[in-house]
Amino acid sequence: MQKLIIQRGRPAGTTTYEAGPAIAFGMAVRTARTELGTAQETLANLAGIERSHMGKIERGEHMPNLAMILRIARALNRSASELIAATEKNLQAAANATEK
């Protein structure tokens, strides 16, 4: 009988987050940033995040952890609950669009 080899880590091509909420959160951040008239690089510096990572967050390619969400909210002069509420609205809008 051959021993089963189990590899550590996640399988290739899989993600550790759900794309829908990540995209909705990224849209909320981008909307808030553009309302302020702030450049992505400036927001990243204020939040203590690499600019390239901020771009990935806004595109929904990365889902930030709670500490990073709090830093982004502070940099946007908003509460984290405002960003989450905007994220929920974006998710609902996306769900409504797919139903039609």
Protein backbone atom coordinates (compact mmCIF):
# COMPACT_ATOMS: atom_id res chain seq x y z
CA MET A 1 0.00 0.00 0.00
CA GLN A 2 1.40 3.34 -1.06
CA LYS A 3 1.53 6.16 1.47
CA LEU A 4 -0.56 9.23 0.59
CA ILE A 5 1.54 12.39 0.36
CA ILE A 6 -0.14 15.50 1.71
CA GLN A 7 1.36 18.79 0.61
CA ARG A 8 1.24 21.79 2.88
CA GLY A 9 -0.52 24.97 1.86
CA ARG A 10 -3.46 25.59 -0.37
CA PRO A 11 -3.87 23.94 -3.76
CA ALA A 12 -2.56 25.84 -6.77
CA GLY A 13 -5.08 28.24 -8.23
CA THR A 14 -7.21 28.57 -5.11
CA THR A 15 -7.71 31.71 -3.07
CA THR A 16 -8.07 32.28 0.64
CA TYR A 17 -10.91 34.75 0.26
CA GLU A 18 -14.23 35.14 -1.50
CA ALA A 19 -13.90 37.33 -4.56
CA GLY A 20 -17.33 39.01 -4.25
CA PRO A 21 -16.76 40.70 -0.89
CA ALA A 22 -13.18 41.59 -1.83
CA ILE A 23 -14.33 43.33 -5.01
CA ALA A 24 -17.17 45.09 -3.16
CA PHE A 25 -14.78 46.31 -0.45
CA GLY A 26 -12.31 47.52 -3.08
CA MET A 27 -15.08 49.48 -4.80
CA ALA A 28 -16.02 51.08 -1.46
CA VAL A 29 -12.41 52.12 -0.83
CA ARG A 30 -11.95 53.49 -4.35
CA THR A 31 -15.21 55.44 -4.18
CA ALA A 32 -14.29 56.97 -0.81
CA ARG A 33 -10.80 57.81 -2.05
CA THR A 34 -12.00 59.49 -5.23
CA GLU A 35 -14.63 61.46 -3.28
CA LEU A 36 -11.76 62.87 -1.22
CA GLY A 37 -9.75 63.57 -4.35
CA THR A 38 -6.85 61.61 -2.91
CA ALA A 39 -4.35 59.71 -5.05
CA GLN A 40 -3.97 55.99 -4.45
CA GLU A 41 -0.33 56.45 -3.47
CA THR A 42 -1.23 59.13 -0.93
CA LEU A 43 -3.89 56.92 0.64
CA ALA A 44 -1.46 54.02 0.79
CA ASN A 45 1.12 56.19 2.56
CA LEU A 46 -1.46 57.49 5.05
CA ALA A 47 -2.59 53.94 5.80
CA GLY A 48 0.94 52.53 5.98
CA ILE A 49 0.37 50.14 3.09
CA GLU A 50 2.45 49.57 -0.04
CA ARG A 51 0.93 51.34 -3.05
CA SER A 52 0.84 48.15 -5.08
CA HIS A 53 -1.02 46.38 -2.27
CA MET A 54 -3.54 49.23 -2.11
CA GLY A 55 -4.12 48.79 -5.83
CA LYS A 56 -4.75 45.08 -5.35
CA ILE A 57 -7.21 45.85 -2.54
CA GLU A 58 -9.09 48.34 -4.74
CA ARG A 59 -9.23 45.82 -7.60
CA GLY A 60 -10.50 43.10 -5.26
CA GLU A 61 -7.42 40.93 -5.71
CA HIS A 62 -6.58 41.04 -1.98
CA MET A 63 -8.87 41.10 1.04
CA PRO A 64 -7.32 43.06 3.91
CA ASN A 65 -7.46 41.89 7.51
CA LEU A 66 -9.29 43.83 10.21
CA ALA A 67 -6.27 45.86 11.30
CA MET A 68 -5.66 46.98 7.72
CA ILE A 69 -9.35 47.85 7.23
CA LEU A 70 -9.14 50.06 10.32
CA ARG A 71 -6.00 51.78 8.99
CA ILE A 72 -7.60 52.35 5.58
CA ALA A 73 -10.74 53.77 7.20
CA ARG A 74 -8.67 56.12 9.38
CA ALA A 75 -6.71 57.28 6.33
CA LEU A 76 -10.02 58.01 4.55
CA ASN A 77 -11.36 59.93 7.59
CA ARG A 78 -14.19 57.42 7.84
CA SER A 79 -15.21 54.75 10.26
CA ALA A 80 -14.70 51.11 9.42
CA SER A 81 -18.46 50.64 9.77
CA GLU A 82 -19.00 53.17 6.95
CA LEU A 83 -16.67 51.18 4.68
CA ILE A 84 -18.39 47.92 5.60
CA ALA A 85 -21.84 49.46 4.99
CA ALA A 86 -20.67 50.64 1.55
CA THR A 87 -19.31 47.14 0.92
CA GLU A 88 -22.69 45.62 1.79
CA LYS A 89 -24.42 48.04 -0.61
CA ASN A 90 -21.99 47.06 -3.37
CA LEU A 91 -22.65 43.36 -2.69
CA GLN A 92 -26.39 43.92 -2.82
CA ALA A 93 -26.11 45.88 -6.06
CA ALA A 94 -24.04 43.08 -7.58
CA ALA A 95 -26.60 40.48 -6.45
CA ASN A 96 -29.44 42.53 -7.91
CA ALA A 97 -27.56 42.90 -11.20
CA THR A 98 -27.07 39.14 -11.53
CA GLU A 99 -30.75 38.45 -10.79
CA LYS A 100 -31.90 40.50 -13.78
